[in-house]
Amino acid sequence: MPGASGDAPDGAAPLSLSGPERSVLAVLRASTDLPIDENDLAAEMGLGLDAVRGSLQRLKSKRLAELTEEHATVRSLTPRGERAVADGLPERRFLEALVRHGGALAPESAGAAELAEDERRAAIGILRRRGLLADGLPFRVRDGVSASSASFPEELVLKQLANGEDDLDPPIVESLERRGLVRTERRSIKRWAPSEEGRRLVLDAAGSEALGAVTTGLLTTGGWKGKEFRPYDVRAPVPWVTAPRPNPYVAWLEEFAELLVGLGFVEAEGPLLETEFWNNDVLFMPQDHPARSIHDALGVAGVSGRPPPADLLAGVAAVHEGRPPPGATVPVGPGWGGGYDPSVAARPVLRSQTTAVSARCLARGPSPPFRFFTLDRNFRRESVDATHSIEFHQCEGIVGAEGTTLRDLVGMFSALAEGIGVRELKIRPSYFPFTEPSIEGYVRHPRLGWIEVFPGGMLRPEVLAPLGTPVPVAAWGIGIMRLALVGLGVSDIRDLFLDDYEKLGRGTP
């Protein structure tokens, strides 16, 4: 309890302890060598270390025991290190084999050193780096070198470790660690002593065990009658109970959004119920494109879409038909070779790509340079499997500035992959109706192999001209759910929506 005194007030009723707590506190109070190591305390009492630790922690929570903790670095020989002390280092044994065979060994005779293949390779490399072996074959001692007087400081350090000495040469110790001859452990040494309150506390007599709680069994049998109960200590800390944990996938999405904000992006939002105009037309996707059929897009019945501004609709119609946009004398491009139907543009659909949000951002005329992203849901008629879902998240982003090129987009993909710990990334050319050039980025999943997660490219002039965007724009639509499979160590998109925290263990906060 904050502000509570650590001392028991005079005349206070004695605090009842469990039998193990009473025994541990009694031994602490009787000890003449304080603070005492908890391992020594357990050995002195003849109890298991875990049982003693539990009692010590409860005494500490009741302010009856005090803990002093130290951290120590302990180095010791591995089994390989012990063999090296007994039989000699591999480089010493190889050198001795050379001496026994007249100072030279052919490769086919190198087994005479009686070393394992990895030890023999290491020994040869060490001897050559230290100038003890001549170049070339057969293996032979370099002229002017006395094999018998060759010095290996590692031998001294190994003997020091075997004798329990602490004054060691750090670089040599690190070298022996890399070779697997020495291990380093960092240990926590816990020592305990009774607190002032623990010394002053009147211990109740052994055998007068007090009850700590009323259980169902005690109520059923009446065993609580006539028993003593331990006083309630309001100063004892209570367990820390956290709020409900977020879904690991949702938490991962939030972390990814924070990564983009850290790279200078501003988050944008758009409606889930879109029109064909914003979902497809403004992105220069032809109105007869297969992806816009009822087999892929999800239409909405019973509602009508809001038409876009007339001047924007006229500009988009012009680039689709290959005509000069309003106010221009030449067409932006050849168009799609057919007419443009404004009634299709107003048709409502569930948004199939967050690129629609990027188009809305550009239509507002942001001042370059700019960076926007959106991370939200989309809907497509898909066959549900490990990497596809009818409802899915996508992370859309655009970067607009003078001089922006595809190289900047590749660099952005690399930065995002590195930001979430993905080291393997492949980029290859691709095609999308609204970008040219276009690329796809693939990352490796440990079970699914290479999966496509980074599609993008440079927005075409047919997209930028009707929107009045004066600078080149790099755009992408990341398959964020597939990327989450790698980040969370999951192999099936459907598992992202589970509440099984063991299965999604990497996503816990």
Protein backbone atom coordinates (compact mmCIF):
# COMPACT_ATOMS: atom_id res chain seq x y z
CA MET A 1 0.00 0.00 0.00
CA PRO A 2 1.66 3.32 -1.03
CA GLY A 3 2.93 5.28 1.93
CA ALA A 4 2.46 2.46 4.44
CA SER A 5 5.17 2.07 7.03
CA GLY A 6 7.48 -0.89 6.79
CA ASP A 7 7.49 -1.32 10.59
CA ALA A 8 4.78 -3.05 12.57
CA PRO A 9 3.25 -0.68 15.11
CA ASP A 10 3.92 -1.38 18.78
CA GLY A 11 1.34 -3.66 20.30
CA ALA A 12 0.11 -4.90 16.93
CA ALA A 13 -1.23 -8.42 16.70
CA PRO A 14 1.40 -10.87 15.41
CA LEU A 15 1.23 -11.56 11.68
CA SER A 16 0.46 -15.23 11.05
CA LEU A 17 2.61 -17.06 8.54
CA SER A 18 2.36 -20.38 6.79
CA GLY A 19 4.53 -23.16 8.10
CA PRO A 20 7.17 -22.89 5.33
CA GLU A 21 7.27 -19.09 5.65
CA ARG A 22 7.74 -19.34 9.41
CA SER A 23 10.56 -21.88 8.99
CA VAL A 24 12.39 -19.83 6.37
CA LEU A 25 12.11 -16.62 8.40
CA ALA A 26 13.33 -18.38 11.53
CA VAL A 27 16.44 -19.67 9.71
CA LEU A 28 17.08 -16.21 8.23
CA ARG A 29 16.89 -14.63 11.69
CA ALA A 30 19.23 -17.23 13.17
CA SER A 31 21.84 -16.93 10.41
CA THR A 32 25.11 -15.19 11.26
CA ASP A 33 26.22 -14.80 7.63
CA LEU A 34 23.80 -12.33 6.07
CA PRO A 35 22.70 -11.77 3.44
CA ILE A 36 22.63 -15.49 2.62
CA ASP A 37 22.55 -17.00 -0.86
CA GLU A 38 19.18 -18.62 -1.51
CA ASN A 39 20.95 -21.77 -2.74
CA ASP A 40 22.86 -22.02 0.56
CA LEU A 41 19.66 -21.36 2.47
CA ALA A 42 17.86 -24.20 0.69
CA ALA A 43 20.80 -26.55 1.34
CA GLU A 44 20.90 -25.59 5.02
CA MET A 45 17.17 -26.27 5.41
CA GLY A 46 17.25 -29.45 3.35
CA LEU A 47 14.42 -28.18 1.13
CA GLY A 48 14.02 -27.78 -2.60
CA LEU A 49 15.16 -24.47 -4.05
CA ASP A 50 11.78 -23.70 -5.62
CA ALA A 51 9.97 -24.19 -2.30
CA VAL A 52 12.41 -21.88 -0.51
CA ARG A 53 12.17 -19.28 -3.25
CA GLY A 54 8.38 -19.27 -3.01
CA SER A 55 8.49 -18.67 0.74
CA LEU A 56 11.12 -15.95 0.36
CA GLN A 57 9.04 -14.12 -2.25
CA ARG A 58 5.97 -14.24 0.01
CA LEU A 59 8.02 -12.96 2.95
CA LYS A 60 9.30 -10.15 0.73
CA SER A 61 5.74 -9.21 -0.29
CA LYS A 62 4.90 -8.96 3.42
CA ARG A 63 7.98 -6.76 4.01
CA LEU A 64 9.55 -9.39 6.25
CA ALA A 65 12.54 -10.23 4.04
CA GLU A 66 14.89 -8.13 1.90
CA LEU A 67 16.55 -9.16 -1.34
CA THR A 68 19.99 -8.21 -2.60
CA GLU A 69 20.59 -9.22 -6.21
CA GLU A 70 23.91 -9.33 -8.02
CA HIS A 71 24.72 -10.27 -11.59
CA ALA A 72 27.84 -12.25 -12.39
CA THR A 73 29.47 -13.48 -15.59
CA VAL A 74 30.63 -17.07 -15.30
CA ARG A 75 32.86 -18.70 -17.91
CA SER A 76 33.46 -22.41 -18.18
CA LEU A 77 34.81 -25.01 -20.57
CA THR A 78 32.47 -26.81 -22.93
CA PRO A 79 32.94 -30.57 -23.46
CA ARG A 80 35.02 -29.70 -26.53
CA GLY A 81 37.07 -27.32 -24.41
CA GLU A 82 37.67 -30.02 -21.83
CA ARG A 83 38.90 -32.36 -24.57
CA ALA A 84 41.22 -29.62 -25.83
CA VAL A 85 42.73 -29.27 -22.34
CA ALA A 86 43.20 -33.03 -22.04
CA ASP A 87 44.39 -33.81 -25.59
CA GLY A 88 45.61 -30.44 -26.88
CA LEU A 89 44.19 -27.86 -29.25
CA PRO A 90 43.58 -29.08 -32.83
CA GLU A 91 46.32 -26.78 -34.16
CA ARG A 92 48.82 -28.17 -31.63
CA ARG A 93 47.90 -31.75 -32.49
CA PHE A 94 48.21 -31.10 -36.24
CA LEU A 95 51.60 -29.48 -35.74
CA GLU A 96 52.76 -32.46 -33.67
CA ALA A 97 51.56 -34.81 -36.42
CA LEU A 98 53.69 -32.88 -38.93
CA VAL A 99 56.73 -33.26 -36.68
CA ARG A 100 56.13 -36.99 -36.33
CA HIS A 101 56.01 -37.34 -40.13
CA GLY A 102 59.18 -35.44 -40.89
CA GLY A 103 57.65 -31.98 -41.14
CA ALA A 104 55.27 -32.65 -44.05
CA LEU A 105 51.92 -34.36 -44.70
CA ALA A 106 50.18 -34.95 -48.01
CA PRO A 107 46.44 -34.14 -48.06
CA GLU A 108 45.58 -37.84 -48.25
CA SER A 109 47.70 -38.44 -45.15
CA ALA A 110 46.29 -35.56 -43.11
CA GLY A 111 44.11 -38.03 -41.21
CA ALA A 112 47.24 -39.05 -39.33
CA ALA A 113 46.59 -36.05 -37.06
CA GLU A 114 43.54 -37.95 -35.77
CA LEU A 115 41.32 -34.88 -35.99
CA ALA A 116 37.72 -34.56 -37.09
CA GLU A 117 37.27 -32.91 -40.48
CA ASP A 118 36.08 -29.59 -39.02
CA GLU A 119 38.90 -29.58 -36.46
CA ARG A 120 41.48 -30.31 -39.17
CA ARG A 121 40.24 -27.46 -41.39
CA ALA A 122 40.26 -25.06 -38.43
CA ALA A 123 43.75 -26.16 -37.39
CA ILE A 124 45.19 -25.68 -40.90
CA GLY A 125 43.60 -22.22 -41.19
CA ILE A 126 44.96 -21.11 -37.80
CA LEU A 127 48.45 -22.41 -38.47
CA ARG A 128 48.61 -20.66 -41.84
CA ARG A 129 47.30 -17.36 -40.48
CA ARG A 130 49.99 -17.45 -37.80
CA GLY A 131 52.74 -18.16 -40.30
CA LEU A 132 53.57 -21.63 -39.02
CA LEU A 133 52.59 -23.49 -42.20
CA ALA A 134 54.05 -22.93 -45.62
CA ASP A 135 51.76 -22.15 -48.54
CA GLY A 136 50.68 -24.87 -50.92
CA LEU A 137 50.76 -28.65 -50.59
CA PRO A 138 51.83 -30.89 -49.01
CA PHE A 139 51.24 -29.43 -45.57
CA ARG A 140 54.62 -28.55 -44.10
CA VAL A 141 56.17 -26.40 -41.44
CA ARG A 142 57.40 -23.05 -42.77
CA ASP A 143 61.16 -22.73 -43.09
CA GLY A 144 62.78 -21.21 -40.02
CA VAL A 145 59.87 -22.13 -37.73
CA SER A 146 60.44 -24.44 -34.79
CA ALA A 147 57.36 -26.54 -34.25
CA SER A 148 58.39 -27.44 -30.72
CA SER A 149 58.60 -23.78 -29.64
CA ALA A 150 55.31 -22.67 -31.28
CA SER A 151 53.22 -20.74 -28.77
CA PHE A 152 49.42 -20.80 -28.57
CA PRO A 153 48.08 -18.34 -25.99
CA GLU A 154 44.71 -20.11 -26.15
CA GLU A 155 46.28 -23.05 -24.31
CA LEU A 156 47.11 -20.83 -21.34
CA VAL A 157 43.56 -19.42 -21.17
CA LEU A 158 42.04 -22.91 -21.34
CA LYS A 159 44.24 -24.05 -18.44
CA GLN A 160 43.31 -20.93 -16.45
CA LEU A 161 39.63 -21.70 -16.95
CA ALA A 162 40.17 -25.33 -15.97
CA ASN A 163 41.81 -24.09 -12.72
CA GLY A 164 38.93 -21.70 -11.98
CA GLU A 165 40.93 -18.50 -12.53
CA ASP A 166 39.13 -15.24 -13.42
CA ASP A 167 41.91 -13.00 -14.78
CA LEU A 168 41.57 -13.95 -18.45
CA ASP A 169 42.52 -12.27 -21.74
CA PRO A 170 39.13 -11.06 -23.14
CA PRO A 171 39.98 -11.26 -26.90
CA ILE A 172 41.25 -14.82 -26.52
CA VAL A 173 38.19 -15.81 -24.48
CA GLU A 174 35.93 -14.42 -27.25
CA SER A 175 37.92 -16.39 -29.84
CA LEU A 176 37.52 -19.59 -27.83
CA GLU A 177 33.79 -18.90 -27.48
CA ARG A 178 33.43 -18.62 -31.26
CA ARG A 179 35.19 -21.96 -31.59
CA GLY A 180 32.79 -23.59 -29.14
CA LEU A 181 35.48 -24.31 -26.53
CA VAL A 182 34.26 -21.85 -23.89
CA ARG A 183 30.77 -20.84 -22.79
CA THR A 184 29.78 -17.64 -21.00
CA GLU A 185 26.77 -17.55 -18.68
CA ARG A 186 25.33 -14.52 -16.96
CA ARG A 187 23.87 -15.51 -13.64
CA SER A 188 21.78 -13.70 -11.08
CA ILE A 189 22.93 -14.24 -7.48
CA LYS A 190 20.13 -13.61 -4.96
CA ARG A 191 20.92 -13.10 -1.29
CA TRP A 192 18.36 -12.67 1.45
CA ALA A 193 18.17 -11.20 4.92
CA PRO A 194 15.30 -10.51 7.34
CA SER A 195 13.98 -6.95 7.32
CA GLU A 196 13.69 -4.92 10.52
CA GLU A 197 10.04 -5.85 10.66
CA GLY A 198 10.96 -9.47 10.05
CA ARG A 199 13.37 -9.41 13.00
CA ARG A 200 10.81 -7.80 15.32
CA LEU A 201 7.84 -9.93 14.31
CA VAL A 202 6.59 -12.24 17.03
CA LEU A 203 6.48 -15.68 15.45
CA ASP A 204 3.45 -17.72 16.40
CA ALA A 205 4.14 -21.14 17.83
CA ALA A 206 4.86 -23.98 15.46
CA GLY A 207 1.81 -26.12 14.89
CA SER A 208 -0.66 -23.25 15.31
CA GLU A 209 -1.27 -23.11 11.57
CA ALA A 210 -3.63 -20.28 10.61
CA LEU A 211 -5.97 -20.41 7.65
CA GLY A 212 -5.37 -18.06 4.77
CA ALA A 213 -8.75 -18.42 3.05
CA VAL A 214 -12.14 -20.05 3.41
CA THR A 215 -12.44 -22.76 0.79
CA THR A 216 -15.47 -24.65 -0.48
CA GLY A 217 -14.26 -27.73 1.37
CA LEU A 218 -14.00 -25.86 4.68
CA LEU A 219 -17.51 -24.47 4.25
CA THR A 220 -18.94 -27.87 3.34
CA THR A 221 -17.31 -29.73 6.23
CA GLY A 222 -17.39 -26.92 8.76
CA GLY A 223 -13.65 -27.24 9.14
CA TRP A 224 -13.28 -23.50 9.56
CA LYS A 225 -14.91 -23.54 12.97
CA GLY A 226 -12.55 -22.83 15.82
CA LYS A 227 -9.63 -22.07 13.47
CA GLU A 228 -7.36 -19.05 13.50
CA PHE A 229 -7.22 -16.92 10.33
CA ARG A 230 -4.23 -14.97 9.16
CA PRO A 231 -4.65 -11.22 9.45
CA TYR A 232 -5.16 -9.45 6.14
CA ASP A 233 -2.14 -7.31 5.19
CA VAL A 234 -3.41 -4.34 3.18
CA ARG A 235 0.18 -3.49 2.24
CA ALA A 236 0.74 -6.76 0.36
CA PRO A 237 0.91 -6.18 -3.42
CA VAL A 238 -1.95 -7.56 -5.47
CA PRO A 239 -1.49 -9.33 -8.81
CA TRP A 240 -1.26 -6.94 -11.74
CA VAL A 241 -4.17 -7.66 -14.07
CA THR A 242 -3.89 -6.20 -17.54
CA ALA A 243 -6.73 -5.24 -19.81
CA PRO A 244 -7.89 -7.69 -22.50
CA ARG A 245 -5.16 -8.28 -25.07
CA PRO A 246 -5.71 -7.06 -28.62
CA ASN A 247 -5.96 -9.52 -31.44
CA PRO A 248 -2.35 -10.17 -32.55
CA TYR A 249 -3.19 -9.41 -36.18
CA VAL A 250 -4.81 -6.08 -35.28
CA ALA A 251 -1.80 -5.20 -33.11
CA TRP A 252 0.51 -6.06 -36.01
CA LEU A 253 -1.46 -3.79 -38.38
CA GLU A 254 -1.15 -0.94 -35.91
CA GLU A 255 2.61 -1.45 -35.72
CA PHE A 256 2.85 -1.42 -39.52
CA ALA A 257 0.85 1.83 -39.66
CA GLU A 258 3.25 3.35 -37.10
CA LEU A 259 6.15 2.30 -39.33
CA LEU A 260 4.65 4.23 -42.26
CA VAL A 261 3.98 7.29 -40.09
CA GLY A 262 7.63 7.13 -39.06
CA LEU A 263 8.58 7.26 -42.76
CA GLY A 264 6.66 10.52 -43.19
CA PHE A 265 3.31 9.22 -44.48
CA VAL A 266 -0.08 10.73 -43.59
CA GLU A 267 -2.95 8.30 -43.06
CA ALA A 268 -6.06 8.74 -45.24
CA GLU A 269 -9.48 7.08 -45.22
CA GLY A 270 -12.19 6.35 -47.77
CA PRO A 271 -15.62 4.68 -47.93
CA LEU A 272 -16.06 0.90 -48.12
CA LEU A 273 -19.07 1.40 -50.40
CA GLU A 274 -17.62 2.92 -53.55
CA THR A 275 -18.69 3.65 -57.11
CA GLU A 276 -17.18 2.10 -60.17
CA PHE A 277 -15.78 5.54 -60.96
CA TRP A 278 -13.50 5.81 -57.92
CA ASN A 279 -12.86 2.08 -57.65
CA ASN A 280 -11.89 1.59 -61.31
CA ASP A 281 -12.58 4.35 -63.87
CA VAL A 282 -10.37 7.05 -62.41
CA LEU A 283 -7.59 4.47 -62.22
CA PHE A 284 -7.78 3.98 -66.00
CA MET A 285 -9.14 0.47 -65.68
CA PRO A 286 -11.24 -0.25 -68.83
CA GLN A 287 -14.94 -0.64 -68.19
CA ASP A 288 -14.91 -4.09 -69.81
CA HIS A 289 -11.94 -5.32 -67.74
CA PRO A 290 -12.47 -8.93 -66.51
CA ALA A 291 -11.75 -7.92 -62.89
CA ARG A 292 -14.89 -5.73 -62.98
CA SER A 293 -17.24 -8.57 -63.85
CA ILE A 294 -19.73 -10.08 -61.39
CA HIS A 295 -17.31 -12.97 -61.03
CA ASP A 296 -14.79 -10.73 -59.24
CA ALA A 297 -16.41 -7.49 -58.07
CA LEU A 298 -19.17 -7.43 -55.45
CA GLY A 299 -22.05 -5.18 -56.47
CA VAL A 300 -24.60 -3.68 -54.07
CA ALA A 301 -28.33 -3.71 -54.81
CA GLY A 302 -30.89 -1.22 -53.55
CA VAL A 303 -28.63 1.84 -53.41
CA SER A 304 -27.41 4.35 -55.96
CA GLY A 305 -23.98 5.86 -56.27
CA ARG A 306 -23.15 9.56 -56.11
CA PRO A 307 -21.69 10.82 -59.43
CA PRO A 308 -18.26 12.47 -59.38
CA PRO A 309 -17.69 16.14 -60.24
CA ALA A 310 -18.63 16.83 -63.86
CA ASP A 311 -15.21 18.16 -64.91
CA LEU A 312 -13.44 15.14 -63.42
CA LEU A 313 -15.92 12.76 -65.09
CA ALA A 314 -15.30 14.48 -68.44
CA GLY A 315 -11.52 14.19 -68.05
CA VAL A 316 -11.68 10.49 -67.17
CA ALA A 317 -14.07 9.80 -70.08
CA ALA A 318 -11.63 11.56 -72.44
CA VAL A 319 -8.60 9.47 -71.47
CA HIS A 320 -10.65 6.26 -71.69
CA GLU A 321 -11.79 7.18 -75.22
CA GLY A 322 -8.40 8.54 -76.33
CA ARG A 323 -9.67 12.14 -76.75
CA PRO A 324 -7.98 15.33 -75.53
CA PRO A 325 -9.17 16.15 -71.98
CA PRO A 326 -11.19 19.37 -71.56
CA GLY A 327 -8.87 22.36 -72.08
CA ALA A 328 -6.19 20.28 -73.88
CA THR A 329 -5.45 19.98 -77.59
CA VAL A 330 -3.86 16.53 -77.69
CA PRO A 331 -4.94 13.27 -76.07
CA VAL A 332 -2.98 11.88 -73.13
CA GLY A 333 -2.88 8.47 -74.78
CA PRO A 334 -4.68 6.21 -77.23
CA GLY A 335 -7.30 5.15 -74.69
CA TRP A 336 -8.98 1.75 -74.70
CA GLY A 337 -10.49 1.91 -78.16
CA GLY A 338 -14.13 2.12 -77.14
CA GLY A 339 -16.78 4.37 -75.67
CA TYR A 340 -17.13 5.38 -72.04
CA ASP A 341 -20.45 4.80 -70.26
CA PRO A 342 -21.16 7.31 -67.41
CA SER A 343 -23.96 5.07 -66.10
CA VAL A 344 -21.40 2.37 -65.31
CA ALA A 345 -19.31 4.93 -63.44
CA ALA A 346 -22.16 5.57 -60.98
CA ARG A 347 -22.75 1.89 -60.22
CA PRO A 348 -22.16 1.07 -56.50
CA VAL A 349 -19.68 -1.66 -55.55
CA LEU A 350 -17.91 -2.81 -52.44
CA ARG A 351 -14.41 -1.40 -52.65
CA SER A 352 -12.07 -3.96 -54.18
CA GLN A 353 -8.82 -2.02 -53.75
CA THR A 354 -7.61 0.78 -51.49
CA THR A 355 -6.16 2.49 -54.57
CA ALA A 356 -9.57 4.19 -54.66
CA VAL A 357 -8.54 6.10 -51.51
CA SER A 358 -5.32 7.23 -53.21
CA ALA A 359 -7.35 8.53 -56.16
CA ARG A 360 -9.56 10.52 -53.79
CA CYS A 361 -6.43 11.96 -52.13
CA LEU A 362 -5.02 13.08 -55.49
CA ALA A 363 -8.38 14.58 -56.49
CA ARG A 364 -8.10 16.97 -53.53
CA GLY A 365 -5.00 18.50 -55.14
CA PRO A 366 -2.32 18.03 -52.44
CA SER A 367 0.78 20.22 -52.74
CA PRO A 368 3.91 18.24 -53.62
CA PRO A 369 5.84 16.67 -52.10
CA PHE A 370 3.27 14.41 -50.43
CA ARG A 371 3.02 10.95 -48.93
CA PHE A 372 -0.30 9.26 -48.13
CA PHE A 373 -1.27 5.77 -47.04
CA THR A 374 -4.41 3.92 -46.07
CA LEU A 375 -4.72 0.57 -44.35
CA ASP A 376 -8.26 -0.76 -44.60
CA ARG A 377 -10.58 -3.53 -45.78
CA ASN A 378 -11.51 -4.50 -49.33
CA PHE A 379 -13.85 -7.09 -50.80
CA ARG A 380 -13.52 -9.43 -53.77
CA ARG A 381 -15.21 -12.59 -54.91
CA GLU A 382 -12.37 -15.01 -54.11
CA SER A 383 -12.02 -18.71 -53.47
CA VAL A 384 -10.95 -18.76 -49.82
CA ASP A 385 -7.65 -20.53 -49.19
CA ALA A 386 -4.42 -20.02 -47.24
CA THR A 387 -3.53 -16.80 -49.12
CA HIS A 388 -6.93 -15.51 -50.35
CA SER A 389 -10.05 -14.25 -48.62
CA ILE A 390 -13.30 -12.61 -49.72
CA GLU A 391 -12.61 -9.81 -47.22
CA PHE A 392 -9.03 -8.67 -46.89
CA HIS A 393 -6.87 -5.80 -45.74
CA GLN A 394 -4.68 -3.84 -48.12
CA CYS A 395 -2.16 -1.11 -47.44
CA GLU A 396 -2.19 1.51 -50.18
CA GLY A 397 0.43 4.21 -50.45
CA ILE A 398 1.45 7.00 -52.81
CA VAL A 399 4.55 9.19 -52.98
CA GLY A 400 4.41 12.31 -55.13
CA ALA A 401 7.36 14.63 -55.74
CA GLU A 402 9.51 16.01 -58.53
CA GLY A 403 12.00 13.39 -59.67
CA THR A 404 10.19 10.40 -58.12
CA THR A 405 11.11 7.22 -60.01
CA LEU A 406 10.62 3.48 -59.81
CA ARG A 407 13.93 3.31 -57.94
CA ASP A 408 12.30 5.20 -55.05
CA LEU A 409 9.48 2.65 -54.96
CA VAL A 410 11.91 -0.27 -54.81
CA GLY A 411 13.74 1.49 -51.98
CA MET A 412 10.45 1.99 -50.14
CA PHE A 413 9.61 -1.73 -50.45
CA SER A 414 13.06 -2.59 -49.08
CA ALA A 415 12.61 -0.17 -46.15
CA LEU A 416 9.19 -1.59 -45.29
CA ALA A 417 10.42 -5.19 -45.48
CA GLU A 418 13.41 -4.39 -43.30
CA GLY A 419 11.19 -2.49 -40.85
CA ILE A 420 9.23 -5.65 -40.03
CA GLY A 421 12.27 -7.94 -39.99
CA VAL A 422 11.96 -9.46 -43.49
CA ARG A 423 15.38 -9.94 -45.06
CA GLU A 424 14.56 -11.86 -48.26
CA LEU A 425 12.90 -9.71 -50.94
CA LYS A 426 12.68 -10.29 -54.71
CA ILE A 427 11.45 -7.72 -57.25
CA ARG A 428 10.26 -8.57 -60.76
CA PRO A 429 8.43 -6.66 -63.56
CA SER A 430 4.64 -6.89 -63.68
CA TYR A 431 1.57 -5.24 -65.24
CA PHE A 432 -1.32 -3.20 -63.79
CA PRO A 433 -3.75 -1.07 -65.83
CA PHE A 434 -3.01 2.10 -63.88
CA THR A 435 0.81 1.94 -63.47
CA GLU A 436 3.65 1.88 -65.96
CA PRO A 437 6.25 0.62 -65.30
CA SER A 438 4.90 -1.89 -62.78
CA ILE A 439 6.65 -4.26 -60.40
CA GLU A 440 5.86 -6.99 -57.87
CA GLY A 441 7.79 -7.68 -54.68
CA TYR A 442 7.96 -11.18 -53.21
CA VAL A 443 8.99 -12.24 -49.69
CA ARG A 444 9.74 -15.76 -48.50
CA HIS A 445 7.36 -17.52 -46.12
CA PRO A 446 8.95 -20.46 -44.26
CA ARG A 447 6.14 -22.84 -45.33
CA LEU A 448 4.41 -21.19 -48.28
CA GLY A 449 7.59 -20.19 -50.12
CA TRP A 450 7.77 -16.97 -52.12
CA ILE A 451 4.51 -14.97 -51.91
CA GLU A 452 3.65 -11.73 -53.72
CA VAL A 453 3.01 -8.87 -51.26
CA PHE A 454 4.42 -5.68 -52.82
CA PRO A 455 2.65 -4.78 -56.09
CA GLY A 456 3.16 -1.23 -57.34
CA GLY A 457 4.48 1.08 -59.99
CA MET A 458 4.40 4.64 -61.38
CA LEU A 459 0.88 5.96 -61.96
CA ARG A 460 0.19 6.43 -65.66
CA PRO A 461 -0.41 9.89 -67.18
CA GLU A 462 -3.98 8.75 -67.94
CA VAL A 463 -4.53 8.60 -64.16
CA LEU A 464 -2.66 11.77 -63.19
CA ALA A 465 -3.87 14.12 -65.94
CA PRO A 466 -7.64 14.09 -65.11
CA LEU A 467 -6.80 14.48 -61.41
CA GLY A 468 -4.59 17.51 -62.12
CA THR A 469 -1.51 16.00 -60.44
CA PRO A 470 1.60 17.83 -61.73
CA VAL A 471 4.33 15.49 -60.41
CA PRO A 472 5.16 11.80 -60.92
CA VAL A 473 3.55 9.51 -58.35
CA ALA A 474 4.73 6.10 -57.16
CA ALA A 475 1.92 3.91 -55.86
CA TRP A 476 1.52 0.51 -54.26
CA GLY A 477 -1.20 -1.72 -52.80
CA ILE A 478 0.51 -4.03 -50.33
CA GLY A 479 -1.07 -7.41 -49.62
CA ILE A 480 -0.79 -6.69 -45.92
CA MET A 481 -2.48 -9.91 -44.81
CA ARG A 482 0.05 -12.02 -46.67
CA LEU A 483 2.85 -9.93 -45.19
CA ALA A 484 1.34 -10.53 -41.74
CA LEU A 485 1.63 -14.28 -42.33
CA VAL A 486 5.40 -13.80 -42.41
CA GLY A 487 5.46 -11.29 -39.54
CA LEU A 488 3.32 -13.44 -37.21
CA GLY A 489 4.66 -16.82 -38.27
CA VAL A 490 1.22 -18.02 -39.48
CA SER A 491 0.62 -20.17 -42.56
CA ASP A 492 -3.08 -19.51 -43.27
CA ILE A 493 -4.88 -16.16 -43.67
CA ARG A 494 -7.94 -17.62 -41.95
CA ASP A 495 -5.91 -18.09 -38.76
CA LEU A 496 -5.44 -14.31 -38.48
CA PHE A 497 -9.03 -13.99 -37.28
CA LEU A 498 -8.80 -16.64 -34.57
CA ASP A 499 -8.77 -15.87 -30.86
CA ASP A 500 -6.23 -18.64 -30.21
CA TYR A 501 -3.30 -16.80 -28.65
CA GLU A 502 -1.17 -19.93 -28.61
CA LYS A 503 -1.48 -20.21 -32.40
CA LEU A 504 -0.86 -16.49 -32.84
CA GLY A 505 1.71 -16.34 -30.05
CA ARG A 506 4.11 -14.03 -31.91
CA GLY A 507 1.42 -11.38 -32.04
CA THR A 508 1.02 -10.97 -28.30
CA PRO A 509 1.81 -7.47 -27.08
